[in-house]
Amino acid sequence: MRSRILTAALLTGVVLAGAAGCATGPRSPVGEAPPATPGAALPGLPDGEVTAQGTVLDTGDDPQLCLGAVAESYPPQCTGIPLADWTWEGLDGSESASGVTWGAYAVQGVYDGSVFTVTAPPVMLALYDPMVPDDPTNGEPGPADEETLLVQEQVHADLGADVLSSWPQDGRLWVQVVWDDGTVQDAADAAYGDDVVLIRSALHPVD
């Protein structure tokens, strides 16, 4: 049971941000022009409810939604977005040990840039059937060569803890962050070149 939950919670790709690298996302409204570096980009807040998949971990104080790496200790450890209106009552798929309760869930709610307020019953990831996200590449390989993909180190330096995970794939560097409305992507295009770095949000708007 523990192994299945932890496996479901880990994000696909090469996770470079570390267990403490789950950011809280946007800090203020978007500016009018792309900033000098993606790390200075300020995406606007989601317009309406969003969904996310990750590990909910509760140490007895405030539960949090971990969207990045989860340390495979027992109990696990991670740092994430604080959750409001969360309850374990009547919820399957959780484990508890040493005063910590955790589980892997799909969560729906409202994100204000610092707190995720739950608005619908969570769904165990083992039972969740997510929508397949659109492929921004249309299946076409990217233009980046091996040297260009070394930009991964610079991306992590620029974005810091905002990076949940990153991985090179088919001539591009894919980077997952908590939330982006296109602002960080525009800044990445300006900083690293068009179609070299693809920014992907862990939060997805509810259709």
N, C-alpha and C. Protein backbone atom coordinates (compact mmCIF):
# COMPACT_ATOMS: atom_id res chain seq x y z
N MET A 1 0.83 -1.21 0.00
CA MET A 1 0.00 0.00 0.00
C MET A 1 0.85 1.25 0.00
N ARG A 2 1.85 1.31 0.90
CA ARG A 2 2.71 2.48 0.99
C ARG A 2 3.45 2.71 -0.31
N SER A 3 3.98 1.64 -0.91
CA SER A 3 4.75 1.78 -2.14
C SER A 3 3.87 2.30 -3.26
N ARG A 4 2.60 1.80 -3.32
CA ARG A 4 1.71 2.23 -4.39
C ARG A 4 1.37 3.71 -4.28
N ILE A 5 1.14 4.16 -3.05
CA ILE A 5 0.79 5.57 -2.84
C ILE A 5 1.95 6.47 -3.22
N LEU A 6 3.15 6.11 -2.77
CA LEU A 6 4.31 6.95 -3.04
C LEU A 6 4.61 6.99 -4.52
N THR A 7 4.47 5.84 -5.20
CA THR A 7 4.75 5.79 -6.62
C THR A 7 3.78 6.67 -7.39
N ALA A 8 2.50 6.64 -7.00
CA ALA A 8 1.51 7.45 -7.69
C ALA A 8 1.75 8.93 -7.48
N ALA A 9 2.35 9.27 -6.36
CA ALA A 9 2.50 10.69 -6.04
C ALA A 9 3.67 11.33 -6.74
N LEU A 10 4.68 10.55 -7.10
CA LEU A 10 5.87 11.13 -7.72
C LEU A 10 5.57 11.55 -9.14
N LEU A 11 6.07 12.66 -9.55
CA LEU A 11 5.82 13.16 -10.89
C LEU A 11 6.77 12.50 -11.88
N THR A 12 6.27 12.34 -13.13
CA THR A 12 7.09 11.76 -14.17
C THR A 12 8.19 12.74 -14.56
N GLY A 13 9.38 12.19 -14.84
CA GLY A 13 10.49 13.01 -15.29
C GLY A 13 11.60 13.02 -14.29
N VAL A 14 12.60 13.79 -14.61
CA VAL A 14 13.76 13.90 -13.74
C VAL A 14 13.49 15.01 -12.76
N VAL A 15 13.23 14.69 -11.54
CA VAL A 15 12.86 15.69 -10.54
C VAL A 15 14.13 16.25 -9.95
N LEU A 16 14.35 17.53 -10.20
CA LEU A 16 15.58 18.16 -9.77
C LEU A 16 15.38 19.15 -8.65
N ALA A 17 14.12 19.44 -8.35
CA ALA A 17 13.88 20.50 -7.39
C ALA A 17 14.09 20.07 -5.96
N GLY A 18 14.04 18.76 -5.63
CA GLY A 18 14.23 18.29 -4.27
C GLY A 18 12.93 18.28 -3.52
N ALA A 19 12.95 17.60 -2.35
CA ALA A 19 11.72 17.42 -1.60
C ALA A 19 11.18 18.73 -1.09
N ALA A 20 12.03 19.73 -0.94
CA ALA A 20 11.55 21.01 -0.42
C ALA A 20 11.29 22.00 -1.54
N GLY A 21 11.21 21.53 -2.77
CA GLY A 21 11.14 22.45 -3.88
C GLY A 21 9.76 22.76 -4.37
N CYS A 22 8.72 22.39 -3.67
CA CYS A 22 7.38 22.70 -4.14
C CYS A 22 7.06 24.14 -3.82
N ALA A 23 6.88 24.94 -4.87
CA ALA A 23 6.67 26.36 -4.66
C ALA A 23 5.21 26.67 -4.42
N THR A 24 4.95 27.88 -4.02
CA THR A 24 3.58 28.31 -3.81
C THR A 24 3.05 29.10 -4.98
N GLY A 25 3.84 29.30 -6.03
CA GLY A 25 3.34 29.80 -7.28
C GLY A 25 3.32 31.31 -7.41
N PRO A 26 2.28 31.87 -8.09
CA PRO A 26 2.27 33.28 -8.42
C PRO A 26 2.36 34.15 -7.18
N ARG A 27 3.00 35.32 -7.36
CA ARG A 27 3.18 36.21 -6.22
C ARG A 27 2.43 37.52 -6.39
N SER A 28 2.14 37.90 -7.66
CA SER A 28 1.38 39.13 -7.89
C SER A 28 0.89 39.13 -9.32
N PRO A 29 0.02 40.06 -9.69
CA PRO A 29 -0.53 40.06 -11.04
C PRO A 29 0.54 40.19 -12.11
N VAL A 30 0.18 39.72 -13.31
CA VAL A 30 1.11 39.72 -14.43
C VAL A 30 1.47 41.14 -14.84
N GLY A 31 2.73 41.30 -15.29
CA GLY A 31 3.17 42.59 -15.79
C GLY A 31 2.82 42.75 -17.26
N GLU A 32 3.12 43.90 -17.82
CA GLU A 32 2.76 44.18 -19.20
C GLU A 32 3.75 43.60 -20.18
N ALA A 33 5.01 43.42 -19.80
CA ALA A 33 6.04 42.94 -20.72
C ALA A 33 6.81 41.81 -20.07
N PRO A 34 7.34 40.86 -20.88
CA PRO A 34 8.13 39.78 -20.31
C PRO A 34 9.33 40.32 -19.55
N PRO A 35 9.62 39.80 -18.35
CA PRO A 35 10.76 40.25 -17.58
C PRO A 35 12.05 39.71 -18.16
N ALA A 36 13.18 40.15 -17.60
CA ALA A 36 14.48 39.75 -18.11
C ALA A 36 14.71 38.25 -17.94
N THR A 37 14.24 37.68 -16.84
CA THR A 37 14.41 36.26 -16.60
C THR A 37 13.08 35.64 -16.21
N PRO A 38 12.88 34.35 -16.51
CA PRO A 38 11.62 33.71 -16.12
C PRO A 38 11.36 33.76 -14.62
N GLY A 39 12.43 33.80 -13.82
CA GLY A 39 12.24 33.84 -12.38
C GLY A 39 11.56 35.11 -11.90
N ALA A 40 11.59 36.16 -12.72
CA ALA A 40 10.93 37.41 -12.36
C ALA A 40 9.52 37.50 -12.93
N ALA A 41 9.10 36.49 -13.69
CA ALA A 41 7.77 36.50 -14.28
C ALA A 41 6.71 36.31 -13.20
N LEU A 42 5.61 37.05 -13.31
CA LEU A 42 4.57 37.01 -12.29
C LEU A 42 3.23 36.65 -12.94
N PRO A 43 2.93 35.36 -13.04
CA PRO A 43 1.66 34.96 -13.67
C PRO A 43 0.47 35.39 -12.84
N GLY A 44 -0.64 35.65 -13.51
CA GLY A 44 -1.88 35.94 -12.80
C GLY A 44 -2.43 34.69 -12.15
N LEU A 45 -3.43 34.88 -11.31
CA LEU A 45 -4.03 33.75 -10.61
C LEU A 45 -5.01 33.01 -11.52
N PRO A 46 -5.25 31.72 -11.24
CA PRO A 46 -6.24 30.98 -12.04
C PRO A 46 -7.61 31.64 -11.96
N ASP A 47 -8.29 31.65 -13.08
CA ASP A 47 -9.64 32.21 -13.16
C ASP A 47 -10.64 31.07 -12.97
N GLY A 48 -11.04 30.83 -11.74
CA GLY A 48 -11.95 29.73 -11.44
C GLY A 48 -11.25 28.57 -10.77
N GLU A 49 -11.95 27.44 -10.72
CA GLU A 49 -11.42 26.27 -10.03
C GLU A 49 -10.38 25.54 -10.87
N VAL A 50 -9.49 24.85 -10.16
CA VAL A 50 -8.43 24.08 -10.81
C VAL A 50 -8.37 22.69 -10.17
N THR A 51 -7.70 21.78 -10.86
CA THR A 51 -7.43 20.46 -10.31
C THR A 51 -5.93 20.23 -10.24
N ALA A 52 -5.53 19.34 -9.35
CA ALA A 52 -4.12 18.99 -9.21
C ALA A 52 -4.02 17.57 -8.71
N GLN A 53 -2.91 16.92 -9.02
CA GLN A 53 -2.64 15.57 -8.55
C GLN A 53 -1.35 15.58 -7.73
N GLY A 54 -1.39 14.98 -6.56
CA GLY A 54 -0.19 14.97 -5.73
C GLY A 54 -0.42 14.23 -4.43
N THR A 55 0.53 14.38 -3.54
CA THR A 55 0.47 13.77 -2.22
C THR A 55 -0.03 14.79 -1.21
N VAL A 56 -1.08 14.44 -0.50
CA VAL A 56 -1.55 15.27 0.62
C VAL A 56 -0.89 14.73 1.88
N LEU A 57 -0.19 15.59 2.58
CA LEU A 57 0.53 15.19 3.79
C LEU A 57 0.12 16.10 4.94
N ASP A 58 -0.23 15.47 6.07
CA ASP A 58 -0.74 16.19 7.23
C ASP A 58 0.05 15.76 8.46
N THR A 59 0.82 16.69 9.01
CA THR A 59 1.62 16.39 10.20
C THR A 59 0.86 16.65 11.49
N GLY A 60 -0.42 16.98 11.36
CA GLY A 60 -1.23 17.26 12.54
C GLY A 60 -1.54 18.71 12.71
N ASP A 61 -0.88 19.57 11.94
CA ASP A 61 -1.15 21.00 11.99
C ASP A 61 -1.99 21.40 10.78
N ASP A 62 -1.33 21.68 9.69
CA ASP A 62 -2.03 22.07 8.47
C ASP A 62 -1.67 21.10 7.35
N PRO A 63 -2.67 20.48 6.70
CA PRO A 63 -2.37 19.60 5.57
C PRO A 63 -1.83 20.41 4.40
N GLN A 64 -1.02 19.77 3.58
CA GLN A 64 -0.46 20.44 2.42
C GLN A 64 -0.49 19.50 1.23
N LEU A 65 -0.58 20.10 0.06
CA LEU A 65 -0.61 19.36 -1.20
C LEU A 65 0.76 19.45 -1.84
N CYS A 66 1.47 18.33 -1.89
CA CYS A 66 2.82 18.28 -2.45
C CYS A 66 2.73 17.91 -3.93
N LEU A 67 3.18 18.80 -4.78
CA LEU A 67 3.14 18.60 -6.22
C LEU A 67 4.49 18.22 -6.79
N GLY A 68 5.53 18.33 -5.98
CA GLY A 68 6.87 17.99 -6.41
C GLY A 68 7.34 16.68 -5.82
N ALA A 69 8.62 16.62 -5.52
CA ALA A 69 9.23 15.38 -5.03
C ALA A 69 8.74 15.05 -3.63
N VAL A 70 8.66 13.75 -3.36
CA VAL A 70 8.28 13.25 -2.04
C VAL A 70 9.37 12.30 -1.57
N ALA A 71 9.95 12.58 -0.41
CA ALA A 71 10.99 11.71 0.12
C ALA A 71 10.39 10.38 0.55
N GLU A 72 10.99 9.27 0.11
CA GLU A 72 10.45 7.95 0.39
C GLU A 72 10.89 7.45 1.76
N SER A 73 10.70 8.26 2.75
CA SER A 73 10.91 7.83 4.14
C SER A 73 9.59 7.29 4.67
N TYR A 74 9.59 6.88 5.92
CA TYR A 74 8.33 6.41 6.51
C TYR A 74 8.15 7.03 7.89
N PRO A 75 7.25 7.98 8.03
CA PRO A 75 6.36 8.50 6.99
C PRO A 75 7.10 9.35 5.96
N PRO A 76 6.49 9.58 4.80
CA PRO A 76 7.14 10.40 3.77
C PRO A 76 7.27 11.85 4.22
N GLN A 77 8.09 12.58 3.48
CA GLN A 77 8.29 14.00 3.77
C GLN A 77 8.21 14.80 2.47
N CYS A 78 7.59 15.95 2.55
CA CYS A 78 7.52 16.85 1.40
C CYS A 78 7.04 18.21 1.87
N THR A 79 7.21 19.19 1.00
CA THR A 79 6.73 20.54 1.27
C THR A 79 5.83 20.95 0.12
N GLY A 80 4.66 21.48 0.44
CA GLY A 80 3.72 21.80 -0.63
C GLY A 80 2.87 23.01 -0.33
N ILE A 81 1.72 23.07 -1.00
CA ILE A 81 0.78 24.17 -0.87
C ILE A 81 -0.15 23.89 0.30
N PRO A 82 -0.34 24.83 1.22
CA PRO A 82 -1.31 24.63 2.31
C PRO A 82 -2.71 24.39 1.76
N LEU A 83 -3.42 23.45 2.39
CA LEU A 83 -4.79 23.13 1.99
C LEU A 83 -5.78 23.68 3.00
N ALA A 84 -6.84 24.30 2.51
CA ALA A 84 -7.94 24.74 3.36
C ALA A 84 -9.16 23.87 3.06
N ASP A 85 -10.00 23.67 4.09
CA ASP A 85 -11.23 22.87 3.97
C ASP A 85 -10.92 21.42 3.59
N TRP A 86 -9.81 20.92 4.07
CA TRP A 86 -9.47 19.51 3.85
C TRP A 86 -9.90 18.68 5.05
N THR A 87 -10.43 17.48 4.79
CA THR A 87 -10.76 16.56 5.86
C THR A 87 -10.44 15.14 5.43
N TRP A 88 -9.97 14.34 6.38
CA TRP A 88 -9.70 12.93 6.12
C TRP A 88 -10.94 12.07 6.39
N GLU A 89 -11.96 12.66 6.96
CA GLU A 89 -13.14 11.91 7.37
C GLU A 89 -13.82 11.27 6.15
N GLY A 90 -14.01 9.96 6.22
CA GLY A 90 -14.67 9.24 5.15
C GLY A 90 -13.84 9.07 3.89
N LEU A 91 -12.56 9.40 3.97
CA LEU A 91 -11.70 9.37 2.78
C LEU A 91 -10.84 8.12 2.78
N ASP A 92 -10.91 7.33 1.72
CA ASP A 92 -10.09 6.13 1.59
C ASP A 92 -8.72 6.50 1.03
N GLY A 93 -7.78 5.54 1.16
CA GLY A 93 -6.49 5.68 0.50
C GLY A 93 -5.42 6.36 1.31
N SER A 94 -5.64 6.55 2.60
CA SER A 94 -4.63 7.23 3.41
C SER A 94 -3.90 6.24 4.31
N GLU A 95 -2.72 6.65 4.75
CA GLU A 95 -1.94 5.92 5.74
C GLU A 95 -1.55 6.88 6.85
N SER A 96 -1.28 6.33 8.03
CA SER A 96 -0.83 7.15 9.16
C SER A 96 0.30 6.45 9.88
N ALA A 97 1.29 7.23 10.30
CA ALA A 97 2.41 6.72 11.08
C ALA A 97 3.11 7.90 11.74
N SER A 98 3.48 7.71 13.00
CA SER A 98 4.25 8.72 13.74
C SER A 98 3.60 10.10 13.71
N GLY A 99 2.28 10.12 13.79
CA GLY A 99 1.56 11.38 13.83
C GLY A 99 1.37 12.05 12.48
N VAL A 100 1.72 11.36 11.40
CA VAL A 100 1.59 11.91 10.05
C VAL A 100 0.58 11.08 9.27
N THR A 101 -0.32 11.75 8.56
CA THR A 101 -1.28 11.08 7.68
C THR A 101 -1.04 11.57 6.26
N TRP A 102 -1.10 10.65 5.30
CA TRP A 102 -0.82 11.04 3.92
C TRP A 102 -1.56 10.13 2.95
N GLY A 103 -1.68 10.59 1.72
CA GLY A 103 -2.29 9.82 0.65
C GLY A 103 -2.12 10.54 -0.67
N ALA A 104 -2.31 9.83 -1.77
CA ALA A 104 -2.17 10.39 -3.11
C ALA A 104 -3.55 10.63 -3.70
N TYR A 105 -3.83 11.88 -4.07
CA TYR A 105 -5.18 12.25 -4.48
C TYR A 105 -5.17 13.25 -5.64
N ALA A 106 -6.28 13.25 -6.36
CA ALA A 106 -6.62 14.35 -7.26
C ALA A 106 -7.53 15.29 -6.48
N VAL A 107 -7.17 16.56 -6.48
CA VAL A 107 -7.86 17.54 -5.64
C VAL A 107 -8.39 18.67 -6.53
N GLN A 108 -9.60 19.11 -6.24
CA GLN A 108 -10.20 20.23 -6.98
C GLN A 108 -10.48 21.37 -6.01
N GLY A 109 -10.23 22.60 -6.48
CA GLY A 109 -10.50 23.73 -5.61
C GLY A 109 -10.08 25.05 -6.22
N VAL A 110 -9.92 26.04 -5.36
CA VAL A 110 -9.56 27.40 -5.76
C VAL A 110 -8.17 27.71 -5.20
N TYR A 111 -7.30 28.23 -6.06
CA TYR A 111 -5.93 28.55 -5.66
C TYR A 111 -5.75 30.06 -5.70
N ASP A 112 -5.35 30.64 -4.55
CA ASP A 112 -5.20 32.09 -4.47
C ASP A 112 -3.75 32.55 -4.53
N GLY A 113 -2.87 31.66 -4.94
CA GLY A 113 -1.46 31.99 -5.01
C GLY A 113 -0.66 31.53 -3.82
N SER A 114 -1.34 31.18 -2.73
CA SER A 114 -0.64 30.68 -1.55
C SER A 114 -1.36 29.52 -0.88
N VAL A 115 -2.69 29.48 -0.98
CA VAL A 115 -3.49 28.44 -0.35
C VAL A 115 -4.42 27.82 -1.38
N PHE A 116 -4.57 26.49 -1.29
CA PHE A 116 -5.49 25.75 -2.16
C PHE A 116 -6.71 25.39 -1.32
N THR A 117 -7.87 25.96 -1.64
CA THR A 117 -9.10 25.69 -0.90
C THR A 117 -9.90 24.61 -1.62
N VAL A 118 -10.11 23.50 -0.96
CA VAL A 118 -10.78 22.34 -1.56
C VAL A 118 -12.28 22.62 -1.69
N THR A 119 -12.83 22.34 -2.87
CA THR A 119 -14.25 22.60 -3.13
C THR A 119 -15.03 21.36 -3.53
N ALA A 120 -14.35 20.23 -3.70
CA ALA A 120 -15.01 19.00 -4.12
C ALA A 120 -14.32 17.82 -3.44
N PRO A 121 -15.02 16.69 -3.29
CA PRO A 121 -14.39 15.53 -2.65
C PRO A 121 -13.15 15.07 -3.42
N PRO A 122 -12.04 14.84 -2.74
CA PRO A 122 -10.84 14.33 -3.42
C PRO A 122 -11.07 12.92 -3.97
N VAL A 123 -10.27 12.57 -4.95
CA VAL A 123 -10.34 11.24 -5.56
C VAL A 123 -8.97 10.59 -5.44
N MET A 124 -8.95 9.34 -4.96
CA MET A 124 -7.68 8.61 -4.90
C MET A 124 -7.06 8.55 -6.30
N LEU A 125 -5.75 8.78 -6.37
CA LEU A 125 -5.10 8.74 -7.68
C LEU A 125 -5.23 7.37 -8.33
N ALA A 126 -5.28 6.32 -7.52
CA ALA A 126 -5.40 4.98 -8.07
C ALA A 126 -6.72 4.80 -8.82
N LEU A 127 -7.72 5.63 -8.52
CA LEU A 127 -9.03 5.53 -9.15
C LEU A 127 -9.31 6.70 -10.10
N TYR A 128 -8.36 7.60 -10.23
CA TYR A 128 -8.60 8.83 -10.98
C TYR A 128 -8.28 8.64 -12.45
N ASP A 129 -9.16 9.13 -13.30
CA ASP A 129 -8.97 9.04 -14.75
C ASP A 129 -8.85 10.46 -15.31
N PRO A 130 -7.63 10.99 -15.34
CA PRO A 130 -7.48 12.40 -15.75
C PRO A 130 -7.65 12.58 -17.25
N MET A 131 -8.02 13.80 -17.62
CA MET A 131 -8.05 14.15 -19.03
C MET A 131 -6.62 14.21 -19.56
N VAL A 132 -6.42 13.73 -20.77
CA VAL A 132 -5.10 13.80 -21.38
C VAL A 132 -4.83 15.24 -21.79
N PRO A 133 -3.74 15.85 -21.28
CA PRO A 133 -3.48 17.25 -21.63
C PRO A 133 -3.10 17.40 -23.09
N ASP A 134 -3.39 18.57 -23.62
CA ASP A 134 -3.01 18.87 -25.00
C ASP A 134 -1.49 18.82 -25.15
N ASP A 135 -1.03 18.31 -26.30
CA ASP A 135 0.40 18.28 -26.59
C ASP A 135 0.77 19.54 -27.35
N PRO A 136 1.49 20.47 -26.72
CA PRO A 136 1.82 21.72 -27.41
C PRO A 136 2.78 21.53 -28.57
N THR A 137 3.41 20.36 -28.66
CA THR A 137 4.39 20.11 -29.72
C THR A 137 3.76 19.47 -30.95
N ASN A 138 2.50 19.02 -30.83
CA ASN A 138 1.84 18.29 -31.92
C ASN A 138 2.66 17.08 -32.38
N GLY A 139 3.45 16.53 -31.45
CA GLY A 139 4.23 15.34 -31.76
C GLY A 139 5.48 15.60 -32.56
N GLU A 140 5.80 16.87 -32.81
CA GLU A 140 6.98 17.21 -33.61
C GLU A 140 8.19 17.40 -32.69
N PRO A 141 9.36 16.90 -33.09
CA PRO A 141 10.56 17.10 -32.27
C PRO A 141 10.96 18.57 -32.23
N GLY A 142 11.63 18.95 -31.16
CA GLY A 142 12.05 20.34 -30.99
C GLY A 142 13.37 20.63 -31.67
N PRO A 143 13.77 21.90 -31.69
CA PRO A 143 14.98 22.31 -32.40
C PRO A 143 16.25 22.22 -31.57
N ALA A 144 16.11 21.95 -30.27
CA ALA A 144 17.26 22.05 -29.37
C ALA A 144 18.21 20.88 -29.56
N ASP A 145 19.51 21.18 -29.57
CA ASP A 145 20.51 20.13 -29.61
C ASP A 145 21.01 19.88 -28.18
N GLU A 146 21.97 18.97 -28.05
CA GLU A 146 22.44 18.60 -26.72
C GLU A 146 23.00 19.80 -25.96
N GLU A 147 23.71 20.66 -26.67
CA GLU A 147 24.29 21.83 -26.02
C GLU A 147 23.20 22.78 -25.52
N THR A 148 22.17 22.95 -26.35
CA THR A 148 21.08 23.84 -25.95
C THR A 148 20.36 23.31 -24.72
N LEU A 149 20.22 22.01 -24.63
CA LEU A 149 19.50 21.42 -23.51
C LEU A 149 20.27 21.55 -22.20
N LEU A 150 21.52 21.97 -22.27
CA LEU A 150 22.26 22.27 -21.04
C LEU A 150 21.68 23.49 -20.34
N VAL A 151 20.73 24.15 -21.00
CA VAL A 151 20.05 25.29 -20.39
C VAL A 151 19.28 24.86 -19.15
N GLN A 152 19.10 23.56 -18.96
CA GLN A 152 18.39 23.05 -17.79
C GLN A 152 18.96 23.62 -16.49
N GLU A 153 20.28 23.66 -16.40
CA GLU A 153 20.91 24.20 -15.19
C GLU A 153 20.57 25.67 -15.01
N GLN A 154 20.56 26.42 -16.12
CA GLN A 154 20.24 27.84 -16.04
C GLN A 154 18.77 28.06 -15.66
N VAL A 155 17.90 27.20 -16.19
CA VAL A 155 16.47 27.30 -15.85
C VAL A 155 16.27 27.13 -14.35
N HIS A 156 16.96 26.15 -13.77
CA HIS A 156 16.82 25.94 -12.32
C HIS A 156 17.40 27.11 -11.54
N ALA A 157 18.47 27.70 -12.06
CA ALA A 157 19.04 28.87 -11.39
C ALA A 157 18.08 30.06 -11.47
N ASP A 158 17.41 30.21 -12.61
CA ASP A 158 16.50 31.34 -12.79
C ASP A 158 15.20 31.17 -12.02
N LEU A 159 14.61 29.98 -12.07
CA LEU A 159 13.30 29.76 -11.46
C LEU A 159 13.39 29.29 -10.01
N GLY A 160 14.52 28.71 -9.63
CA GLY A 160 14.70 28.29 -8.24
C GLY A 160 13.65 27.28 -7.81
N ALA A 161 13.07 27.52 -6.63
CA ALA A 161 12.11 26.57 -6.04
C ALA A 161 10.79 26.53 -6.79
N ASP A 162 10.57 27.43 -7.76
CA ASP A 162 9.35 27.36 -8.56
C ASP A 162 9.31 26.11 -9.43
N VAL A 163 10.47 25.51 -9.70
CA VAL A 163 10.54 24.31 -10.52
C VAL A 163 10.14 23.10 -9.68
N LEU A 164 9.12 22.39 -10.12
CA LEU A 164 8.75 21.13 -9.48
C LEU A 164 9.55 19.97 -10.06
N SER A 165 9.73 19.98 -11.37
CA SER A 165 10.51 18.94 -12.04
C SER A 165 10.89 19.45 -13.42
N SER A 166 11.90 18.81 -14.03
CA SER A 166 12.27 19.15 -15.39
C SER A 166 12.92 17.94 -16.04
N TRP A 167 12.75 17.84 -17.35
CA TRP A 167 13.33 16.70 -18.06
C TRP A 167 13.48 17.05 -19.55
N PRO A 168 14.61 16.65 -20.17
CA PRO A 168 14.77 16.84 -21.61
C PRO A 168 14.01 15.75 -22.36
N GLN A 169 13.33 16.15 -23.43
CA GLN A 169 12.56 15.19 -24.21
C GLN A 169 12.38 15.71 -25.63
N ASP A 170 12.81 14.93 -26.61
CA ASP A 170 12.57 15.22 -28.03
C ASP A 170 12.99 16.64 -28.42
N GLY A 171 14.19 17.03 -28.00
CA GLY A 171 14.71 18.31 -28.44
C GLY A 171 14.19 19.52 -27.70
N ARG A 172 13.58 19.29 -26.54
CA ARG A 172 13.10 20.39 -25.72
C ARG A 172 13.36 20.07 -24.25
N LEU A 173 13.35 21.12 -23.43
CA LEU A 173 13.40 20.94 -21.99
C LEU A 173 12.01 21.23 -21.44
N TRP A 174 11.41 20.23 -20.81
CA TRP A 174 10.09 20.38 -20.20
C TRP A 174 10.27 20.75 -18.73
N VAL A 175 9.55 21.75 -18.29
CA VAL A 175 9.67 22.24 -16.92
C VAL A 175 8.27 22.35 -16.31
N GLN A 176 8.08 21.72 -15.18
CA GLN A 176 6.78 21.80 -14.50
C GLN A 176 6.86 22.76 -13.33
N VAL A 177 5.89 23.66 -13.27
CA VAL A 177 5.75 24.62 -12.18
C VAL A 177 4.35 24.46 -11.59
N VAL A 178 4.10 25.13 -10.48
CA VAL A 178 2.77 25.03 -9.87
C VAL A 178 1.72 25.59 -10.81
N TRP A 179 1.94 26.81 -11.30
CA TRP A 179 0.93 27.45 -12.15
C TRP A 179 1.59 28.44 -13.09
N ASP A 180 1.12 28.43 -14.33
CA ASP A 180 1.53 29.45 -15.30
C ASP A 180 0.37 29.73 -16.23
N ASP A 181 0.09 30.99 -16.46
CA ASP A 181 -0.96 31.39 -17.39
C ASP A 181 -0.39 31.77 -18.75
N GLY A 182 0.87 31.43 -18.98
CA GLY A 182 1.57 31.78 -20.21
C GLY A 182 2.64 32.83 -19.99
N THR A 183 2.62 33.47 -18.82
CA THR A 183 3.59 34.52 -18.54
C THR A 183 5.01 33.97 -18.42
N VAL A 184 5.16 32.88 -17.68
CA VAL A 184 6.48 32.28 -17.51
C VAL A 184 6.96 31.69 -18.84
N GLN A 185 6.04 31.11 -19.61
CA GLN A 185 6.41 30.57 -20.92
C GLN A 185 6.94 31.67 -21.83
N ASP A 186 6.26 32.82 -21.85
CA ASP A 186 6.74 33.93 -22.67
C ASP A 186 8.13 34.37 -22.25
N ALA A 187 8.36 34.43 -20.93
CA ALA A 187 9.67 34.83 -20.43
C ALA A 187 10.73 33.80 -20.78
N ALA A 188 10.36 32.51 -20.74
CA ALA A 188 11.30 31.45 -21.10
C ALA A 188 11.67 31.53 -22.58
N ASP A 189 10.68 31.82 -23.43
CA ASP A 189 10.96 31.97 -24.86
C ASP A 189 11.94 33.12 -25.10
N ALA A 190 11.73 34.22 -24.37
CA ALA A 190 12.59 35.38 -24.54
C ALA A 190 14.00 35.12 -24.03
N ALA A 191 14.11 34.33 -22.96
CA ALA A 191 15.41 34.10 -22.33
C ALA A 191 16.21 33.00 -23.01
N TYR A 192 15.54 31.93 -23.44
CA TYR A 192 16.25 30.74 -23.91
C TYR A 192 16.03 30.45 -25.39
N GLY A 193 15.12 31.17 -26.03
CA GLY A 193 14.80 30.92 -27.42
C GLY A 193 13.45 30.24 -27.56
N ASP A 194 12.78 30.50 -28.68
CA ASP A 194 11.48 29.90 -28.91
C ASP A 194 11.58 28.38 -29.00
N ASP A 195 10.62 27.70 -28.37
CA ASP A 195 10.45 26.25 -28.51
C ASP A 195 11.62 25.46 -27.94
N VAL A 196 12.37 26.04 -27.03
CA VAL A 196 13.47 25.33 -26.37
C VAL A 196 13.02 24.80 -25.02
N VAL A 197 12.32 25.64 -24.25
CA VAL A 197 11.82 25.28 -22.92
C VAL A 197 10.29 25.33 -22.94
N LEU A 198 9.65 24.26 -22.50
CA LEU A 198 8.20 24.22 -22.40
C LEU A 198 7.80 24.24 -20.93
N ILE A 199 7.04 25.24 -20.52
CA ILE A 199 6.57 25.37 -19.15
C ILE A 199 5.21 24.71 -19.04
N ARG A 200 5.06 23.81 -18.07
CA ARG A 200 3.81 23.09 -17.86
C ARG A 200 3.32 23.33 -16.43
N SER A 201 2.02 23.54 -16.29
CA SER A 201 1.43 23.80 -14.98
C SER A 201 0.98 22.50 -14.32
N ALA A 202 1.23 22.40 -13.01
CA ALA A 202 0.70 21.27 -12.24
C ALA A 202 -0.79 21.46 -11.94
N LEU A 203 -1.23 22.72 -11.90
CA LEU A 203 -2.64 23.02 -11.71
C LEU A 203 -3.30 23.18 -13.08
N HIS A 204 -4.49 22.59 -13.23
CA HIS A 204 -5.20 22.64 -14.51
C HIS A 204 -6.60 23.21 -14.31
N PRO A 205 -7.00 24.18 -15.11
CA PRO A 205 -8.35 24.74 -14.98
C PRO A 205 -9.42 23.67 -15.17
N VAL A 206 -10.50 23.79 -14.41
CA VAL A 206 -11.64 22.89 -14.55
C VAL A 206 -12.47 23.35 -15.73
N ASP A 207 -12.71 22.46 -16.67
CA ASP A 207 -13.49 22.82 -17.86
C ASP A 207 -14.96 22.97 -17.50
